Amino acid sequence: MRQSYYQGPRRSYLGQATLYIIIANVVVFGLSILSPELTRTWLSLIPVRLFFRFEIWRLATYLFVHADFSHLFFNMIGLFFFGPVLERTLGERRFWIYYFLCGCGSGVMAAAFYFLLGNGDANVIGASGAIFGIITAYGLLFPNNTILLNFLIPIKAKWLVLIYGAMELFATVQYAGGARSGIANIAHLSAIIIGYFYIRGIGDFRKLIYKYRYRAAEQKRKKRFKVYDGTDRPTFH
């Protein structure tokens, strides 16, 4: 999770769901220090075990497992700054739904992606997918609020989401092209897409389809009918 945080006029306090999620992540991180094999073997998301052994719980538990302290810290910083605002906006119940929808949904997409590319034994861990979903929702609901990227660069929330989306798309294409990395960019990208359609619905997608159909029909109509100015007469056969 890249470094960024929210700066705006809204009063900041931890909501109940946000607090519980942070506590759960810290507890599981402590457990991973005491028993790393247990958390990596039974809590991480492993594509072959998900699809062939139907170990469905991994779609939720992988969100609470982190590789090291910095991995945990930056994910929880993102949740700390963006989570409370989104929780107040959506309400606690919808916030829980949204968090796990983005986290579990991006997990499914990541597992399928790695499996199809022949990396079915991959270990996918971390809350980054869910956090990217939260940042996406924030950018859609408060597009003109200011974010300090890397705690230094002021940028509007909507542009931050677009930049993240472009970066994760590029990294995902690179991975599929053979430039393998240890970052689950496909999970981040999937969460951005899931978050977009959850917040906006399919209305924007329908508008895009209608716009494309309208342009195609307009071009087809223009090809059928030609306008002549009278000087260059058409020839009929």
C-alpha atoms as a PDB file:
ATOM      1  CA  MET A   1       0.000   0.000   0.000  1.00  0.00           C
ATOM      2  CA  ARG A   2       1.572   3.296  -1.043  1.00  0.00           C
ATOM      3  CA  GLN A   3       1.843   6.143   1.408  1.00  0.00           C
ATOM      4  CA  SER A   4      -1.025   8.609   1.285  1.00  0.00           C
ATOM      5  CA  TYR A   5      -3.423  10.144   3.703  1.00  0.00           C
ATOM      6  CA  TYR A   6      -6.558  12.192   3.899  1.00  0.00           C
ATOM      7  CA  GLN A   7      -6.536  15.893   4.602  1.00  0.00           C
ATOM      8  CA  GLY A   8      -9.850  17.668   4.754  1.00  0.00           C
ATOM      9  CA  PRO A   9     -12.356  19.540   6.884  1.00  0.00           C
ATOM     10  CA  ARG A  10     -14.098  16.469   8.288  1.00  0.00           C
ATOM     11  CA  ARG A  11     -13.532  15.570  11.942  1.00  0.00           C
ATOM     12  CA  SER A  12     -11.561  12.344  12.169  1.00  0.00           C
ATOM     13  CA  TYR A  13     -12.309   9.581  14.648  1.00  0.00           C
ATOM     14  CA  LEU A  14     -12.115   5.829  14.420  1.00  0.00           C
ATOM     15  CA  GLY A  15     -15.371   4.106  13.682  1.00  0.00           C
ATOM     16  CA  GLN A  16     -16.144   0.811  15.360  1.00  0.00           C
ATOM     17  CA  ALA A  17     -15.629  -1.328  12.250  1.00  0.00           C
ATOM     18  CA  THR A  18     -12.362   0.417  11.373  1.00  0.00           C
ATOM     19  CA  LEU A  19     -11.061  -0.071  14.907  1.00  0.00           C
ATOM     20  CA  TYR A  20     -11.974  -3.768  14.961  1.00  0.00           C
ATOM     21  CA  ILE A  21     -10.263  -4.366  11.618  1.00  0.00           C
ATOM     22  CA  ILE A  22      -7.061  -2.660  12.774  1.00  0.00           C
ATOM     23  CA  ILE A  23      -7.035  -4.664  16.017  1.00  0.00           C
ATOM     24  CA  ALA A  24      -7.617  -7.934  14.137  1.00  0.00           C
ATOM     25  CA  ASN A  25      -4.720  -7.186  11.775  1.00  0.00           C
ATOM     26  CA  VAL A  26      -2.377  -6.398  14.656  1.00  0.00           C
ATOM     27  CA  VAL A  27      -3.397  -9.578  16.531  1.00  0.00           C
ATOM     28  CA  VAL A  28      -2.857 -11.793  13.470  1.00  0.00           C
ATOM     29  CA  PHE A  29       0.498 -10.117  12.843  1.00  0.00           C
ATOM     30  CA  GLY A  30       1.527 -10.991  16.397  1.00  0.00           C
ATOM     31  CA  LEU A  31       0.372 -14.550  15.776  1.00  0.00           C
ATOM     32  CA  SER A  32       2.435 -14.684  12.589  1.00  0.00           C
ATOM     33  CA  ILE A  33       5.543 -13.769  14.576  1.00  0.00           C
ATOM     34  CA  LEU A  34       4.898 -16.566  17.059  1.00  0.00           C
ATOM     35  CA  SER A  35       3.864 -19.112  14.429  1.00  0.00           C
ATOM     36  CA  PRO A  36       4.754 -17.992  10.890  1.00  0.00           C
ATOM     37  CA  GLU A  37       4.181 -21.444   9.402  1.00  0.00           C
ATOM     38  CA  LEU A  38       0.631 -21.596  10.772  1.00  0.00           C
ATOM     39  CA  THR A  39      -0.434 -18.262   9.354  1.00  0.00           C
ATOM     40  CA  ARG A  40       1.249 -18.773   5.980  1.00  0.00           C
ATOM     41  CA  THR A  41      -0.043 -22.334   5.577  1.00  0.00           C
ATOM     42  CA  TRP A  42      -3.611 -21.933   6.807  1.00  0.00           C
ATOM     43  CA  LEU A  43      -4.519 -18.263   6.550  1.00  0.00           C
ATOM     44  CA  SER A  44      -2.909 -17.062   3.311  1.00  0.00           C
ATOM     45  CA  LEU A  45      -4.662 -17.262  -0.058  1.00  0.00           C
ATOM     46  CA  ILE A  46      -3.265 -20.117  -2.163  1.00  0.00           C
ATOM     47  CA  PRO A  47      -5.015 -20.554  -5.545  1.00  0.00           C
ATOM     48  CA  VAL A  48      -4.780 -24.353  -5.833  1.00  0.00           C
ATOM     49  CA  ARG A  49      -6.133 -24.830  -2.321  1.00  0.00           C
ATOM     50  CA  LEU A  50      -8.947 -22.389  -2.951  1.00  0.00           C
ATOM     51  CA  PHE A  51     -10.091 -23.949  -6.229  1.00  0.00           C
ATOM     52  CA  PHE A  52      -9.330 -27.652  -5.675  1.00  0.00           C
ATOM     53  CA  ARG A  53      -9.688 -28.077  -1.921  1.00  0.00           C
ATOM     54  CA  PHE A  54     -12.442 -25.455  -1.607  1.00  0.00           C
ATOM     55  CA  GLU A  55     -10.759 -23.760   1.350  1.00  0.00           C
ATOM     56  CA  ILE A  56     -13.068 -20.764   1.067  1.00  0.00           C
ATOM     57  CA  TRP A  57     -12.087 -19.217   4.407  1.00  0.00           C
ATOM     58  CA  ARG A  58      -8.803 -18.127   2.840  1.00  0.00           C
ATOM     59  CA  LEU A  59     -10.629 -15.365   0.938  1.00  0.00           C
ATOM     60  CA  ALA A  60     -11.241 -13.624   4.278  1.00  0.00           C
ATOM     61  CA  THR A  61      -8.241 -14.672   6.374  1.00  0.00           C
ATOM     62  CA  TYR A  62      -5.584 -13.619   3.837  1.00  0.00           C
ATOM     63  CA  LEU A  63      -6.662 -10.015   4.428  1.00  0.00           C
ATOM     64  CA  PHE A  64      -5.238 -10.134   7.948  1.00  0.00           C
ATOM     65  CA  VAL A  65      -1.842 -11.705   7.170  1.00  0.00           C
ATOM     66  CA  HIS A  66       1.107  -9.409   6.402  1.00  0.00           C
ATOM     67  CA  ALA A  67       4.655 -10.133   5.337  1.00  0.00           C
ATOM     68  CA  ASP A  68       6.393  -7.709   7.700  1.00  0.00           C
ATOM     69  CA  PHE A  69       5.830  -4.658   9.876  1.00  0.00           C
ATOM     70  CA  SER A  70       6.058  -2.113   7.025  1.00  0.00           C
ATOM     71  CA  HIS A  71       3.476  -4.084   5.027  1.00  0.00           C
ATOM     72  CA  LEU A  72       1.115  -3.984   8.011  1.00  0.00           C
ATOM     73  CA  PHE A  73       1.914  -0.373   8.916  1.00  0.00           C
ATOM     74  CA  PHE A  74       1.179   1.216   5.558  1.00  0.00           C
ATOM     75  CA  ASN A  75      -2.019  -0.775   5.065  1.00  0.00           C
ATOM     76  CA  MET A  76      -3.255   0.237   8.505  1.00  0.00           C
ATOM     77  CA  ILE A  77      -2.255   3.874   7.910  1.00  0.00           C
ATOM     78  CA  GLY A  78      -4.441   3.848   4.790  1.00  0.00           C
ATOM     79  CA  LEU A  79      -7.303   2.298   6.742  1.00  0.00           C
ATOM     80  CA  PHE A  80      -6.813   4.741   9.645  1.00  0.00           C
ATOM     81  CA  PHE A  81      -7.108   7.850   7.462  1.00  0.00           C
ATOM     82  CA  PHE A  82      -9.713   6.747   4.917  1.00  0.00           C
ATOM     83  CA  GLY A  83     -11.721   4.136   6.801  1.00  0.00           C
ATOM     84  CA  PRO A  84     -13.480   6.384   9.364  1.00  0.00           C
ATOM     85  CA  VAL A  85     -14.702   8.823   6.715  1.00  0.00           C
ATOM     86  CA  LEU A  86     -16.060   6.020   4.557  1.00  0.00           C
ATOM     87  CA  GLU A  87     -17.590   4.239   7.556  1.00  0.00           C
ATOM     88  CA  ARG A  88     -19.500   7.388   8.548  1.00  0.00           C
ATOM     89  CA  THR A  89     -20.630   7.872   4.954  1.00  0.00           C
ATOM     90  CA  LEU A  90     -21.778   4.323   4.229  1.00  0.00           C
ATOM     91  CA  GLY A  91     -22.764   3.320   7.757  1.00  0.00           C
ATOM     92  CA  GLU A  92     -21.127   0.560   9.745  1.00  0.00           C
ATOM     93  CA  ARG A  93     -23.050  -2.340   8.175  1.00  0.00           C
ATOM     94  CA  ARG A  94     -22.425  -1.259   4.590  1.00  0.00           C
ATOM     95  CA  PHE A  95     -18.808  -0.520   5.440  1.00  0.00           C
ATOM     96  CA  TRP A  96     -18.291  -4.141   6.606  1.00  0.00           C
ATOM     97  CA  ILE A  97     -19.934  -5.386   3.404  1.00  0.00           C
ATOM     98  CA  TYR A  98     -17.854  -3.096   1.231  1.00  0.00           C
ATOM     99  CA  TYR A  99     -14.575  -3.958   2.964  1.00  0.00           C
ATOM    100  CA  PHE A 100     -14.977  -7.697   2.534  1.00  0.00           C
ATOM    101  CA  LEU A 101     -16.515  -7.363  -0.933  1.00  0.00           C
ATOM    102  CA  CYS A 102     -13.390  -5.576  -2.155  1.00  0.00           C
ATOM    103  CA  GLY A 103     -11.044  -7.808  -0.165  1.00  0.00           C
ATOM    104  CA  CYS A 104     -12.629 -11.168  -0.998  1.00  0.00           C
ATOM    105  CA  GLY A 105     -13.520 -10.158  -4.559  1.00  0.00           C
ATOM    106  CA  SER A 106      -9.972  -9.051  -5.323  1.00  0.00           C
ATOM    107  CA  GLY A 107      -8.765 -12.298  -3.739  1.00  0.00           C
ATOM    108  CA  VAL A 108     -10.849 -14.375  -6.148  1.00  0.00           C
ATOM    109  CA  MET A 109      -9.532 -12.406  -9.117  1.00  0.00           C
ATOM    110  CA  ALA A 110      -5.926 -12.669  -7.918  1.00  0.00           C
ATOM    111  CA  ALA A 111      -6.200 -16.408  -7.296  1.00  0.00           C
ATOM    112  CA  ALA A 112      -7.696 -16.991 -10.760  1.00  0.00           C
ATOM    113  CA  PHE A 113      -5.049 -14.770 -12.378  1.00  0.00           C
ATOM    114  CA  TYR A 114      -2.098 -16.565 -10.773  1.00  0.00           C
ATOM    115  CA  PHE A 115      -3.606 -19.994 -11.366  1.00  0.00           C
ATOM    116  CA  LEU A 116      -4.152 -19.332 -15.072  1.00  0.00           C
ATOM    117  CA  LEU A 117      -0.567 -18.100 -15.382  1.00  0.00           C
ATOM    118  CA  GLY A 118       0.741 -21.332 -13.870  1.00  0.00           C
ATOM    119  CA  ASN A 119       1.495 -19.955 -10.401  1.00  0.00           C
ATOM    120  CA  GLY A 120      -1.146 -21.863  -8.480  1.00  0.00           C
ATOM    121  CA  ASP A 121       1.053 -22.189  -5.380  1.00  0.00           C
ATOM    122  CA  ALA A 122       1.347 -18.421  -4.946  1.00  0.00           C
ATOM    123  CA  ASN A 123       0.864 -17.043  -1.442  1.00  0.00           C
ATOM    124  CA  VAL A 124      -1.360 -13.949  -1.539  1.00  0.00           C
ATOM    125  CA  ILE A 125      -1.488 -12.002   1.721  1.00  0.00           C
ATOM    126  CA  GLY A 126      -2.331  -8.535   3.002  1.00  0.00           C
ATOM    127  CA  ALA A 127      -5.199  -6.080   3.303  1.00  0.00           C
ATOM    128  CA  SER A 128      -4.044  -4.000   0.328  1.00  0.00           C
ATOM    129  CA  GLY A 129      -6.934  -5.095  -1.887  1.00  0.00           C
ATOM    130  CA  ALA A 130      -9.515  -3.936   0.638  1.00  0.00           C
ATOM    131  CA  ILE A 131      -7.587  -0.698   1.293  1.00  0.00           C
ATOM    132  CA  PHE A 132      -7.424   0.101  -2.430  1.00  0.00           C
ATOM    133  CA  GLY A 133     -11.184  -0.407  -2.510  1.00  0.00           C
ATOM    134  CA  ILE A 134     -11.595   2.060   0.363  1.00  0.00           C
ATOM    135  CA  ILE A 135      -9.402   4.674  -1.329  1.00  0.00           C
ATOM    136  CA  THR A 136     -11.376   4.206  -4.547  1.00  0.00           C
ATOM    137  CA  ALA A 137     -14.660   4.808  -2.721  1.00  0.00           C
ATOM    138  CA  TYR A 138     -13.209   7.887  -1.059  1.00  0.00           C
ATOM    139  CA  GLY A 139     -12.033   9.257  -4.410  1.00  0.00           C
ATOM    140  CA  LEU A 140     -15.494   8.742  -5.921  1.00  0.00           C
ATOM    141  CA  LEU A 141     -17.429  10.191  -2.991  1.00  0.00           C
ATOM    142  CA  PHE A 142     -15.060  13.082  -2.215  1.00  0.00           C
ATOM    143  CA  PRO A 143     -13.249  13.641  -5.541  1.00  0.00           C
ATOM    144  CA  ASN A 144     -11.996  17.155  -4.832  1.00  0.00           C
ATOM    145  CA  ASN A 145     -10.687  16.584  -1.313  1.00  0.00           C
ATOM    146  CA  THR A 146      -6.929  16.877  -0.948  1.00  0.00           C
ATOM    147  CA  ILE A 147      -4.661  13.888  -0.353  1.00  0.00           C
ATOM    148  CA  LEU A 148      -1.000  14.207   0.600  1.00  0.00           C
ATOM    149  CA  LEU A 149       0.723  11.539  -1.462  1.00  0.00           C
ATOM    150  CA  ASN A 150       3.780  10.211   0.397  1.00  0.00           C
ATOM    151  CA  PHE A 151       2.873  12.773   3.082  1.00  0.00           C
ATOM    152  CA  LEU A 152       4.281  15.527   0.825  1.00  0.00           C
ATOM    153  CA  ILE A 153       2.543  15.946  -2.528  1.00  0.00           C
ATOM    154  CA  PRO A 154      -0.975  17.477  -2.476  1.00  0.00           C
ATOM    155  CA  ILE A 155      -3.288  15.861  -4.987  1.00  0.00           C
ATOM    156  CA  LYS A 156      -7.051  15.607  -5.432  1.00  0.00           C
ATOM    157  CA  ALA A 157      -8.553  12.283  -4.433  1.00  0.00           C
ATOM    158  CA  LYS A 158      -9.986  11.595  -7.888  1.00  0.00           C
ATOM    159  CA  TRP A 159      -6.568  11.957  -9.545  1.00  0.00           C
ATOM    160  CA  LEU A 160      -4.990   9.713  -6.920  1.00  0.00           C
ATOM    161  CA  VAL A 161      -7.436   6.924  -7.787  1.00  0.00           C
ATOM    162  CA  LEU A 162      -6.734   7.345 -11.515  1.00  0.00           C
ATOM    163  CA  ILE A 163      -2.971   7.259 -10.932  1.00  0.00           C
ATOM    164  CA  TYR A 164      -3.217   4.171  -8.749  1.00  0.00           C
ATOM    165  CA  GLY A 165      -5.465   2.466 -11.304  1.00  0.00           C
ATOM    166  CA  ALA A 166      -3.058   3.182 -14.180  1.00  0.00           C
ATOM    167  CA  MET A 167      -0.038   2.016 -12.165  1.00  0.00           C
ATOM    168  CA  GLU A 168      -1.698  -1.226 -11.066  1.00  0.00           C
ATOM    169  CA  LEU A 169      -2.928  -1.949 -14.600  1.00  0.00           C
ATOM    170  CA  PHE A 170       0.571  -1.447 -16.014  1.00  0.00           C
ATOM    171  CA  ALA A 171       2.129  -3.639 -13.306  1.00  0.00           C
ATOM    172  CA  THR A 172      -0.463  -6.376 -13.886  1.00  0.00           C
ATOM    173  CA  VAL A 173       0.227  -6.403 -17.632  1.00  0.00           C
ATOM    174  CA  GLN A 174       3.948  -6.558 -16.907  1.00  0.00           C
ATOM    175  CA  TYR A 175       3.450  -9.563 -14.624  1.00  0.00           C
ATOM    176  CA  ALA A 176       1.421 -11.378 -17.288  1.00  0.00           C
ATOM    177  CA  GLY A 177       4.177 -10.561 -19.771  1.00  0.00           C
ATOM    178  CA  GLY A 178       6.781 -12.319 -17.674  1.00  0.00           C
ATOM    179  CA  ALA A 179       8.122  -9.554 -15.408  1.00  0.00           C
ATOM    180  CA  ARG A 180       7.184 -11.331 -12.167  1.00  0.00           C
ATOM    181  CA  SER A 181       7.111  -9.391  -8.910  1.00  0.00           C
ATOM    182  CA  GLY A 182       6.247 -10.058  -5.291  1.00  0.00           C
ATOM    183  CA  ILE A 183       3.350  -7.591  -5.273  1.00  0.00           C
ATOM    184  CA  ALA A 184      -0.236  -8.683  -5.959  1.00  0.00           C
ATOM    185  CA  ASN A 185      -1.028  -5.826  -8.328  1.00  0.00           C
ATOM    186  CA  ILE A 186      -3.931  -7.737  -9.841  1.00  0.00           C
ATOM    187  CA  ALA A 187      -5.609  -7.753  -6.414  1.00  0.00           C
ATOM    188  CA  HIS A 188      -5.177  -3.973  -6.135  1.00  0.00           C
ATOM    189  CA  LEU A 189      -6.529  -3.410  -9.642  1.00  0.00           C
ATOM    190  CA  SER A 190      -9.476  -5.751  -9.056  1.00  0.00           C
ATOM    191  CA  ALA A 191     -10.374  -3.922  -5.836  1.00  0.00           C
ATOM    192  CA  ILE A 192     -10.372  -0.580  -7.656  1.00  0.00           C
ATOM    193  CA  ILE A 193     -12.751  -1.979 -10.284  1.00  0.00           C
ATOM    194  CA  ILE A 194     -15.012  -3.636  -7.708  1.00  0.00           C
ATOM    195  CA  GLY A 195     -15.103  -0.471  -5.622  1.00  0.00           C
ATOM    196  CA  TYR A 196     -15.942   1.652  -8.642  1.00  0.00           C
ATOM    197  CA  PHE A 197     -18.933  -0.443  -9.625  1.00  0.00           C
ATOM    198  CA  TYR A 198     -20.148  -0.752  -6.029  1.00  0.00           C
ATOM    199  CA  ILE A 199     -20.172   3.012  -5.520  1.00  0.00           C
ATOM    200  CA  ARG A 200     -21.294   4.061  -8.979  1.00  0.00           C
ATOM    201  CA  GLY A 201     -23.384   0.997  -9.818  1.00  0.00           C
ATOM    202  CA  ILE A 202     -23.504  -0.037 -13.457  1.00  0.00           C
ATOM    203  CA  GLY A 203     -24.963   3.286 -14.558  1.00  0.00           C
ATOM    204  CA  ASP A 204     -21.686   4.619 -15.959  1.00  0.00           C
ATOM    205  CA  PHE A 205     -21.043   1.310 -17.736  1.00  0.00           C
ATOM    206  CA  ARG A 206     -24.475   1.451 -19.370  1.00  0.00           C
ATOM    207  CA  LYS A 207     -23.892   5.044 -20.461  1.00  0.00           C
ATOM    208  CA  LEU A 208     -20.602   3.999 -22.046  1.00  0.00           C
ATOM    209  CA  ILE A 209     -22.323   1.168 -23.945  1.00  0.00           C
ATOM    210  CA  TYR A 210     -25.158   3.431 -25.113  1.00  0.00           C
ATOM    211  CA  LYS A 211     -22.657   6.073 -26.213  1.00  0.00           C
ATOM    212  CA  TYR A 212     -20.685   3.489 -28.210  1.00  0.00           C
ATOM    213  CA  ARG A 213     -23.848   2.126 -29.825  1.00  0.00           C
ATOM    214  CA  TYR A 214     -25.030   5.611 -30.690  1.00  0.00           C
ATOM    215  CA  ARG A 215     -21.733   6.476 -32.380  1.00  0.00           C
ATOM    216  CA  ALA A 216     -21.702   3.189 -34.281  1.00  0.00           C
ATOM    217  CA  ALA A 217     -25.288   3.742 -35.483  1.00  0.00           C
ATOM    218  CA  GLU A 218     -24.472   7.341 -36.460  1.00  0.00           C
ATOM    219  CA  GLN A 219     -21.464   6.261 -38.508  1.00  0.00           C
ATOM    220  CA  LYS A 220     -23.511   3.544 -40.185  1.00  0.00           C
ATOM    221  CA  ARG A 221     -26.242   6.055 -41.040  1.00  0.00           C
ATOM    222  CA  LYS A 222     -23.720   8.471 -42.547  1.00  0.00           C
ATOM    223  CA  LYS A 223     -22.336   5.725 -44.769  1.00  0.00           C
ATOM    224  CA  ARG A 224     -25.810   5.002 -46.144  1.00  0.00           C
ATOM    225  CA  PHE A 225     -26.579   8.589 -47.079  1.00  0.00           C
ATOM    226  CA  LYS A 226     -24.252  10.914 -48.957  1.00  0.00           C
ATOM    227  CA  VAL A 227     -24.868  14.628 -49.476  1.00  0.00           C
ATOM    228  CA  TYR A 228     -23.900  16.197 -52.819  1.00  0.00           C
ATOM    229  CA  ASP A 229     -23.556  19.907 -53.505  1.00  0.00           C
ATOM    230  CA  GLY A 230     -24.836  19.666 -57.093  1.00  0.00           C
ATOM    231  CA  THR A 231     -21.499  20.092 -58.847  1.00  0.00           C
ATOM    232  CA  ASP A 232     -20.309  16.549 -58.468  1.00  0.00           C
ATOM    233  CA  ARG A 233     -23.263  14.428 -59.536  1.00  0.00           C
ATOM    234  CA  PRO A 234     -23.399  10.793 -58.501  1.00  0.00           C
ATOM    235  CA  THR A 235     -23.280   8.043 -61.062  1.00  0.00           C
ATOM    236  CA  PHE A 236     -25.841   5.266 -60.788  1.00  0.00           C
ATOM    237  CA  HIS A 237     -25.314   1.808 -62.273  1.00  0.00           C
END
